[in-house]
Amino acid sequence: MYVLDGHERHTLEIEQDLRCICVFNPPVTGQEVHDADGVYPLLLDSDT
């Protein structure tokens, strides 16, 4: 498991075949727009 939850910069280097599954929580909706700090604002149920 590879978890990032603090907006950490990261690089993943592999030395063999790798299969990845990417999970977003909360899930992305397709309506996300970065703010000036490069962060997605929290969308409420009423926003979707």
PDB file of N, CA and C in Angstrom:
ATOM      1  N   MET A   1       0.854  -1.167   0.000  1.00  0.00           N
ATOM      2  CA  MET A   1       0.000   0.000   0.000  1.00  0.00           C
ATOM      3  C   MET A   1       0.899   1.228   0.000  1.00  0.00           C
ATOM      4  N   TYR A   2       0.498   2.216  -0.778  1.00  0.00           N
ATOM      5  CA  TYR A   2       1.238   3.459  -0.911  1.00  0.00           C
ATOM      6  C   TYR A   2       0.225   4.570  -0.690  1.00  0.00           C
ATOM      7  N   VAL A   3       0.288   5.246   0.452  1.00  0.00           N
ATOM      8  CA  VAL A   3      -0.742   6.207   0.826  1.00  0.00           C
ATOM      9  C   VAL A   3      -0.148   7.607   0.936  1.00  0.00           C
ATOM     10  N   LEU A   4      -0.809   8.551   0.298  1.00  0.00           N
ATOM     11  CA  LEU A   4      -0.450   9.969   0.419  1.00  0.00           C
ATOM     12  C   LEU A   4      -1.692  10.709   0.907  1.00  0.00           C
ATOM     13  N   ASP A   5      -1.562  11.420   2.007  1.00  0.00           N
ATOM     14  CA  ASP A   5      -2.722  12.159   2.490  1.00  0.00           C
ATOM     15  C   ASP A   5      -2.393  13.577   2.918  1.00  0.00           C
ATOM     16  N   GLY A   6      -1.174  14.016   2.689  1.00  0.00           N
ATOM     17  CA  GLY A   6      -0.779  15.358   3.091  1.00  0.00           C
ATOM     18  C   GLY A   6      -0.221  16.172   1.948  1.00  0.00           C
ATOM     19  N   HIS A   7      -0.614  15.865   0.714  1.00  0.00           N
ATOM     20  CA  HIS A   7      -0.140  16.572  -0.483  1.00  0.00           C
ATOM     21  C   HIS A   7       1.382  16.476  -0.623  1.00  0.00           C
ATOM     22  N   GLU A   8       1.956  15.337  -0.190  1.00  0.00           N
ATOM     23  CA  GLU A   8       3.400  15.149  -0.268  1.00  0.00           C
ATOM     24  C   GLU A   8       3.841  14.986  -1.713  1.00  0.00           C
ATOM     25  N   ARG A   9       4.949  15.628  -2.050  1.00  0.00           N
ATOM     26  CA  ARG A   9       5.565  15.378  -3.355  1.00  0.00           C
ATOM     27  C   ARG A   9       6.164  13.984  -3.289  1.00  0.00           C
ATOM     28  N   HIS A  10       6.089  13.263  -4.399  1.00  0.00           N
ATOM     29  CA  HIS A  10       6.567  11.890  -4.363  1.00  0.00           C
ATOM     30  C   HIS A  10       7.011  11.429  -5.743  1.00  0.00           C
ATOM     31  N   THR A  11       7.875  10.456  -5.743  1.00  0.00           N
ATOM     32  CA  THR A  11       8.317   9.774  -6.955  1.00  0.00           C
ATOM     33  C   THR A  11       8.322   8.288  -6.644  1.00  0.00           C
ATOM     34  N   LEU A  12       7.747   7.510  -7.543  1.00  0.00           N
ATOM     35  CA  LEU A  12       7.706   6.064  -7.371  1.00  0.00           C
ATOM     36  C   LEU A  12       8.574   5.446  -8.460  1.00  0.00           C
ATOM     37  N   GLU A  13       9.631   4.772  -8.054  1.00  0.00           N
ATOM     38  CA  GLU A  13      10.516   4.096  -9.001  1.00  0.00           C
ATOM     39  C   GLU A  13      10.348   2.598  -8.802  1.00  0.00           C
ATOM     40  N   ILE A  14      10.139   1.885  -9.893  1.00  0.00           N
ATOM     41  CA  ILE A  14       9.946   0.439  -9.805  1.00  0.00           C
ATOM     42  C   ILE A  14      11.072  -0.282 -10.539  1.00  0.00           C
ATOM     43  N   GLU A  15      11.337  -1.510 -10.123  1.00  0.00           N
ATOM     44  CA  GLU A  15      12.389  -2.315 -10.742  1.00  0.00           C
ATOM     45  C   GLU A  15      11.832  -3.588 -11.362  1.00  0.00           C
ATOM     46  N   GLN A  16      10.518  -3.746 -11.346  1.00  0.00           N
ATOM     47  CA  GLN A  16       9.863  -4.900 -11.968  1.00  0.00           C
ATOM     48  C   GLN A  16       8.443  -4.490 -12.342  1.00  0.00           C
ATOM     49  N   ASP A  17       7.697  -5.396 -12.961  1.00  0.00           N
ATOM     50  CA  ASP A  17       6.327  -5.086 -13.351  1.00  0.00           C
ATOM     51  C   ASP A  17       5.514  -4.650 -12.136  1.00  0.00           C
ATOM     52  N   LEU A  18       4.618  -3.696 -12.345  1.00  0.00           N
ATOM     53  CA  LEU A  18       3.809  -3.165 -11.260  1.00  0.00           C
ATOM     54  C   LEU A  18       2.393  -2.933 -11.757  1.00  0.00           C
ATOM     55  N   ARG A  19       1.420  -3.350 -10.999  1.00  0.00           N
ATOM     56  CA  ARG A  19       0.014  -3.075 -11.296  1.00  0.00           C
ATOM     57  C   ARG A  19      -0.498  -2.162 -10.189  1.00  0.00           C
ATOM     58  N   CYS A  20      -1.084  -1.031 -10.574  1.00  0.00           N
ATOM     59  CA  CYS A  20      -1.548  -0.042  -9.593  1.00  0.00           C
ATOM     60  C   CYS A  20      -3.060   0.106  -9.654  1.00  0.00           C
ATOM     61  N   ILE A  21      -3.638   0.338  -8.507  1.00  0.00           N
ATOM     62  CA  ILE A  21      -5.045   0.714  -8.392  1.00  0.00           C
ATOM     63  C   ILE A  21      -5.068   2.052  -7.667  1.00  0.00           C
ATOM     64  N   CYS A  22      -5.715   3.027  -8.252  1.00  0.00           N
ATOM     65  CA  CYS A  22      -5.759   4.364  -7.688  1.00  0.00           C
ATOM     66  C   CYS A  22      -7.154   4.620  -7.119  1.00  0.00           C
ATOM     67  N   VAL A  23      -7.206   5.048  -5.862  1.00  0.00           N
ATOM     68  CA  VAL A  23      -8.472   5.300  -5.193  1.00  0.00           C
ATOM     69  C   VAL A  23      -8.467   6.720  -4.655  1.00  0.00           C
ATOM     70  N   PHE A  24      -9.526   7.444  -4.910  1.00  0.00           N
ATOM     71  CA  PHE A  24      -9.689   8.796  -4.391  1.00  0.00           C
ATOM     72  C   PHE A  24     -10.784   8.790  -3.340  1.00  0.00           C
ATOM     73  N   ASN A  25     -10.514   9.414  -2.198  1.00  0.00           N
ATOM     74  CA  ASN A  25     -11.522   9.541  -1.159  1.00  0.00           C
ATOM     75  C   ASN A  25     -11.467  10.941  -0.593  1.00  0.00           C
ATOM     76  N   PRO A  26     -12.451  11.787  -0.834  1.00  0.00           N
ATOM     77  CA  PRO A  26     -13.706  11.461  -1.494  1.00  0.00           C
ATOM     78  C   PRO A  26     -13.500  11.237  -2.995  1.00  0.00           C
ATOM     79  N   PRO A  27     -14.419  10.497  -3.625  1.00  0.00           N
ATOM     80  CA  PRO A  27     -14.275  10.192  -5.053  1.00  0.00           C
ATOM     81  C   PRO A  27     -14.324  11.459  -5.910  1.00  0.00           C
ATOM     82  N   VAL A  28     -13.620  11.423  -7.028  1.00  0.00           N
ATOM     83  CA  VAL A  28     -13.671  12.546  -7.964  1.00  0.00           C
ATOM     84  C   VAL A  28     -14.985  12.489  -8.749  1.00  0.00           C
ATOM     85  N   THR A  29     -15.462  13.662  -9.159  1.00  0.00           N
ATOM     86  CA  THR A  29     -16.741  13.751  -9.866  1.00  0.00           C
ATOM     87  C   THR A  29     -16.594  14.202 -11.307  1.00  0.00           C
ATOM     88  N   GLY A  30     -15.415  14.733 -11.653  1.00  0.00           N
ATOM     89  CA  GLY A  30     -15.225  15.295 -12.985  1.00  0.00           C
ATOM     90  C   GLY A  30     -15.461  16.794 -13.011  1.00  0.00           C
ATOM     91  N   GLN A  31     -15.928  17.356 -11.887  1.00  0.00           N
ATOM     92  CA  GLN A  31     -16.188  18.795 -11.798  1.00  0.00           C
ATOM     93  C   GLN A  31     -15.092  19.526 -11.028  1.00  0.00           C
ATOM     94  N   GLU A  32     -14.023  18.817 -10.666  1.00  0.00           N
ATOM     95  CA  GLU A  32     -12.970  19.409  -9.852  1.00  0.00           C
ATOM     96  C   GLU A  32     -12.175  20.457 -10.649  1.00  0.00           C
ATOM     97  N   VAL A  33     -11.865  21.569  -9.994  1.00  0.00           N
ATOM     98  CA  VAL A  33     -11.031  22.626 -10.565  1.00  0.00           C
ATOM     99  C   VAL A  33     -10.057  23.050  -9.476  1.00  0.00           C
ATOM    100  N   HIS A  34      -8.751  23.023  -9.795  1.00  0.00           N
ATOM    101  CA  HIS A  34      -7.746  23.442  -8.807  1.00  0.00           C
ATOM    102  C   HIS A  34      -7.958  24.895  -8.427  1.00  0.00           C
ATOM    103  N   ASP A  35      -7.726  25.224  -7.136  1.00  0.00           N
ATOM    104  CA  ASP A  35      -7.737  26.620  -6.723  1.00  0.00           C
ATOM    105  C   ASP A  35      -6.329  27.196  -6.907  1.00  0.00           C
ATOM    106  N   ALA A  36      -6.093  28.397  -6.423  1.00  0.00           N
ATOM    107  CA  ALA A  36      -4.798  29.063  -6.613  1.00  0.00           C
ATOM    108  C   ALA A  36      -3.644  28.300  -5.965  1.00  0.00           C
ATOM    109  N   ASP A  37      -3.942  27.490  -4.939  1.00  0.00           N
ATOM    110  CA  ASP A  37      -2.907  26.705  -4.271  1.00  0.00           C
ATOM    111  C   ASP A  37      -2.740  25.317  -4.870  1.00  0.00           C
ATOM    112  N   GLY A  38      -3.490  25.002  -5.952  1.00  0.00           N
ATOM    113  CA  GLY A  38      -3.406  23.694  -6.575  1.00  0.00           C
ATOM    114  C   GLY A  38      -4.223  22.637  -5.869  1.00  0.00           C
ATOM    115  N   VAL A  39      -5.190  23.066  -5.058  1.00  0.00           N
ATOM    116  CA  VAL A  39      -6.013  22.163  -4.259  1.00  0.00           C
ATOM    117  C   VAL A  39      -7.421  22.123  -4.826  1.00  0.00           C
ATOM    118  N   TYR A  40      -8.036  20.942  -4.780  1.00  0.00           N
ATOM    119  CA  TYR A  40      -9.441  20.828  -5.154  1.00  0.00           C
ATOM    120  C   TYR A  40     -10.307  21.234  -3.966  1.00  0.00           C
ATOM    121  N   PRO A  41     -11.259  22.146  -4.138  1.00  0.00           N
ATOM    122  CA  PRO A  41     -12.151  22.478  -3.022  1.00  0.00           C
ATOM    123  C   PRO A  41     -13.086  21.299  -2.735  1.00  0.00           C
ATOM    124  N   LEU A  42     -13.534  21.185  -1.491  1.00  0.00           N
ATOM    125  CA  LEU A  42     -14.454  20.136  -1.097  1.00  0.00           C
ATOM    126  C   LEU A  42     -15.816  20.395  -1.733  1.00  0.00           C
ATOM    127  N   LEU A  43     -16.338  19.403  -2.456  1.00  0.00           N
ATOM    128  CA  LEU A  43     -17.668  19.523  -3.034  1.00  0.00           C
ATOM    129  C   LEU A  43     -18.674  18.868  -2.094  1.00  0.00           C
ATOM    130  N   LEU A  44     -19.796  19.531  -1.877  1.00  0.00           N
ATOM    131  CA  LEU A  44     -20.854  18.973  -1.070  1.00  0.00           C
ATOM    132  C   LEU A  44     -21.832  18.217  -1.968  1.00  0.00           C
ATOM    133  N   ASP A  45     -22.650  17.352  -1.392  1.00  0.00           N
ATOM    134  CA  ASP A  45     -23.624  16.595  -2.181  1.00  0.00           C
ATOM    135  C   ASP A  45     -24.498  17.512  -3.027  1.00  0.00           C
ATOM    136  N   SER A  46     -24.807  18.688  -2.507  1.00  0.00           N
ATOM    137  CA  SER A  46     -25.656  19.630  -3.243  1.00  0.00           C
ATOM    138  C   SER A  46     -24.937  20.243  -4.445  1.00  0.00           C
ATOM    139  N   ASP A  47     -23.584  20.133  -4.489  1.00  0.00           N
ATOM    140  CA  ASP A  47     -22.806  20.687  -5.600  1.00  0.00           C
ATOM    141  C   ASP A  47     -22.731  19.753  -6.795  1.00  0.00           C
ATOM    142  N   THR A  48     -23.080  18.480  -6.631  1.00  0.00           N
ATOM    143  CA  THR A  48     -22.914  17.508  -7.713  1.00  0.00           C
ATOM    144  C   THR A  48     -24.184  17.327  -8.499  1.00  0.00           C
TER     145      THR A  48
END
